[in-house]
Structures are given as structure tokens and as C-alpha cells.
Amino acid sequence: QVRLEESGGGLVQAGGSLRLSCAASGRTFRSYGMAWFRHGPGKEREFVAGIDWLGGSTIYADAVSGRFTISRDIAKNTVYVQMNSLKPEDTAVYYCAAGRTLYGNRWYLTAAYDSWGQGTQVTVSS
């Protein structure tokens, strides 16, 4: 089983930046895809960005494309999301997730992921 632990959340003003980290551990996680989801107040949990651990290819939700960048550090077993030009509507609990069979639209589906972190709060003030 993959274990995930997020960090880096906090309070930031609109237009500011934050970087979230997700430390991964487990025997086989390097064959997984990794992603960030978020769950905002009054909203469903939604896909933010994903990255293939081995190949490094990335995918983004339209709402964050051009503002957020997902990356991974293989040596540190850590996935990051750099969030720039933050907006109040980005306020949410952000979750790291890992899945073994991620392709096409499956990246966007919470049911396609096998492991989840505990979440980290991001609050963007206007």
C-alpha cells in the first residue's frame, strides 16, 4: 500500500503563491500515477493535476492550467504542486492521491485512486 503525507498548506492573499508537497512511501508506488485533488466548501472533490511517476507526463484541470505546476522529485519520493496566481475560489482542502491504472479520463475519477493523504488546507483571502 502507498502511504501519502501532504504538507505546505496555509493562508495566502489572492495573487500569491504556495507550494504543496506530498511525501510517498511504499514498495510499489513508483509504478503509480500521482495526483492532487481538492475539496472546496460546498463543492465536490475535484481533480487538480496529475503526473506519471516514471515518465513525468502531466495533466491539469482547466481551472488551474497555466497557474499550477505539478512535478516530482524521484530521489525524495515527493510530488509537488506549485500554485501561482491564487484566487479565492482555490480555497479548499488539497489531497494527494496515488493510483495504478490512470489513463485518459480515469485521472479525473476519485474511484480510480488507491491511496489518499490526509489533506492540507489552503485558504486564499480576497
Protein backbone atom coordinates (compact mmCIF):
# COMPACT_ATOMS: atom_id res chain seq x y z
CA GLN A 1 0.00 0.00 0.00
CA VAL A 2 1.17 3.51 -0.79
CA ARG A 3 1.30 5.95 2.09
CA LEU A 4 0.98 9.66 1.38
CA GLU A 5 1.54 12.70 3.56
CA GLU A 6 0.82 16.26 2.42
CA SER A 7 2.32 19.48 3.73
CA GLY A 8 2.62 23.12 2.76
CA GLY A 9 -0.90 24.45 3.08
CA GLY A 10 -1.73 27.78 4.66
CA LEU A 11 -3.30 31.20 4.30
CA VAL A 12 -2.32 33.41 1.37
CA GLN A 13 -3.69 36.54 -0.26
CA ALA A 14 -5.19 36.47 -3.73
CA GLY A 15 -2.44 36.62 -6.33
CA GLY A 16 0.01 34.87 -4.05
CA SER A 17 1.71 31.50 -4.31
CA LEU A 18 2.04 28.29 -2.31
CA ARG A 19 3.81 25.01 -2.88
CA LEU A 20 2.31 21.79 -1.57
CA SER A 21 4.37 18.66 -1.02
CA CYS A 22 3.31 15.02 -0.91
CA ALA A 23 5.79 12.53 0.54
CA ALA A 24 5.15 9.00 -0.71
CA SER A 25 6.30 5.65 0.64
CA GLY A 26 5.53 2.01 -0.04
CA ARG A 27 7.04 -0.81 -2.03
CA THR A 28 5.46 -0.26 -5.42
CA PHE A 29 4.40 3.38 -5.59
CA ARG A 30 6.84 4.14 -8.39
CA SER A 31 4.56 2.29 -10.79
CA TYR A 32 1.71 4.61 -9.83
CA GLY A 33 0.36 7.83 -11.15
CA MET A 34 0.14 10.63 -8.61
CA ALA A 35 -2.38 13.43 -8.46
CA TRP A 36 -3.71 16.35 -6.46
CA PHE A 37 -7.40 16.78 -5.77
CA ARG A 38 -9.19 19.47 -3.82
CA HIS A 39 -12.42 19.71 -1.89
CA GLY A 40 -13.75 23.22 -1.53
CA PRO A 41 -16.64 24.39 0.66
CA GLY A 42 -19.96 23.33 -0.83
CA LYS A 43 -18.26 21.55 -3.72
CA GLU A 44 -17.46 18.01 -4.80
CA ARG A 45 -13.90 16.76 -4.57
CA GLU A 46 -12.28 17.63 -7.89
CA PHE A 47 -9.16 16.73 -9.82
CA VAL A 48 -6.45 19.41 -9.93
CA ALA A 49 -3.36 17.91 -11.56
CA GLY A 50 -1.69 14.57 -12.18
CA ILE A 51 1.74 13.21 -13.04
CA ASP A 52 3.01 9.85 -14.19
CA TRP A 53 5.71 8.91 -11.69
CA LEU A 54 8.00 7.13 -14.15
CA GLY A 55 7.58 9.15 -17.33
CA GLY A 56 6.78 12.52 -15.80
CA SER A 57 3.93 13.37 -18.17
CA THR A 58 1.39 15.75 -16.64
CA ILE A 59 -2.30 16.58 -16.88
CA TYR A 60 -4.21 19.56 -15.47
CA ALA A 61 -7.76 20.60 -14.82
CA ASP A 62 -8.82 23.57 -16.94
CA ALA A 63 -9.40 25.68 -13.81
CA VAL A 64 -5.72 25.58 -12.84
CA SER A 65 -3.94 25.16 -16.18
CA GLY A 66 -1.31 27.85 -16.60
CA ARG A 67 -1.29 28.71 -12.87
CA PHE A 68 -0.40 25.39 -11.19
CA THR A 69 2.56 23.13 -11.95
CA ILE A 70 2.86 19.54 -10.76
CA SER A 71 6.28 17.93 -10.50
CA ARG A 72 8.08 15.09 -8.75
CA ASP A 73 11.46 14.54 -7.17
CA ILE A 74 12.34 10.89 -7.65
CA ALA A 75 15.23 10.97 -5.16
CA LYS A 76 12.97 12.39 -2.43
CA ASN A 77 9.89 10.31 -3.31
CA THR A 78 7.91 13.54 -3.27
CA VAL A 79 5.32 15.11 -5.54
CA TYR A 80 4.78 18.86 -5.55
CA VAL A 81 2.23 21.30 -6.84
CA GLN A 82 3.36 24.89 -7.28
CA MET A 83 0.31 27.14 -7.13
CA ASN A 84 0.67 30.66 -8.51
CA SER A 85 -1.80 33.49 -9.07
CA LEU A 86 -4.07 32.01 -6.42
CA LYS A 87 -7.71 33.00 -6.34
CA PRO A 88 -10.28 32.85 -3.52
CA GLU A 89 -12.03 30.04 -5.41
CA ASP A 90 -8.87 27.93 -4.98
CA THR A 91 -9.67 27.73 -1.27
CA ALA A 92 -10.03 24.04 -0.40
CA VAL A 93 -8.53 21.08 1.36
CA TYR A 94 -5.96 19.68 -1.04
CA TYR A 95 -5.37 15.92 -1.16
CA CYS A 96 -2.59 13.85 -2.67
CA ALA A 97 -3.64 10.57 -4.28
CA ALA A 98 -1.99 7.59 -5.96
CA GLY A 99 -3.43 5.14 -8.45
CA ARG A 100 -2.17 2.20 -10.51
CA THR A 101 -4.40 2.42 -13.58
CA LEU A 102 -4.58 6.04 -14.55
CA TYR A 103 -5.14 6.96 -18.17
CA GLY A 104 -7.43 9.23 -20.12
CA ASN A 105 -10.46 10.32 -18.14
CA ARG A 106 -9.61 7.98 -15.25
CA TRP A 107 -7.25 10.67 -13.94
CA TYR A 108 -10.33 12.73 -13.02
CA LEU A 109 -12.16 9.98 -11.13
CA THR A 110 -11.71 9.67 -7.34
CA ALA A 111 -12.65 5.98 -7.60
CA ALA A 112 -9.57 5.33 -9.77
CA TYR A 113 -7.19 6.09 -6.89
CA ASP A 114 -5.99 3.51 -4.37
CA SER A 115 -4.41 5.69 -1.71
CA TRP A 116 -5.09 9.15 -0.29
CA GLY A 117 -3.32 11.51 2.05
CA GLN A 118 -4.99 13.25 4.97
CA GLY A 119 -5.26 16.60 3.21
CA THR A 120 -3.88 20.08 3.79
CA GLN A 121 -5.91 23.29 3.98
CA VAL A 122 -5.29 26.11 1.53
CA THR A 123 -7.13 29.38 2.17
CA VAL A 124 -6.93 32.28 -0.28
CA SER A 125 -8.19 35.62 1.02
CA SER A 126 -9.52 38.32 -1.27
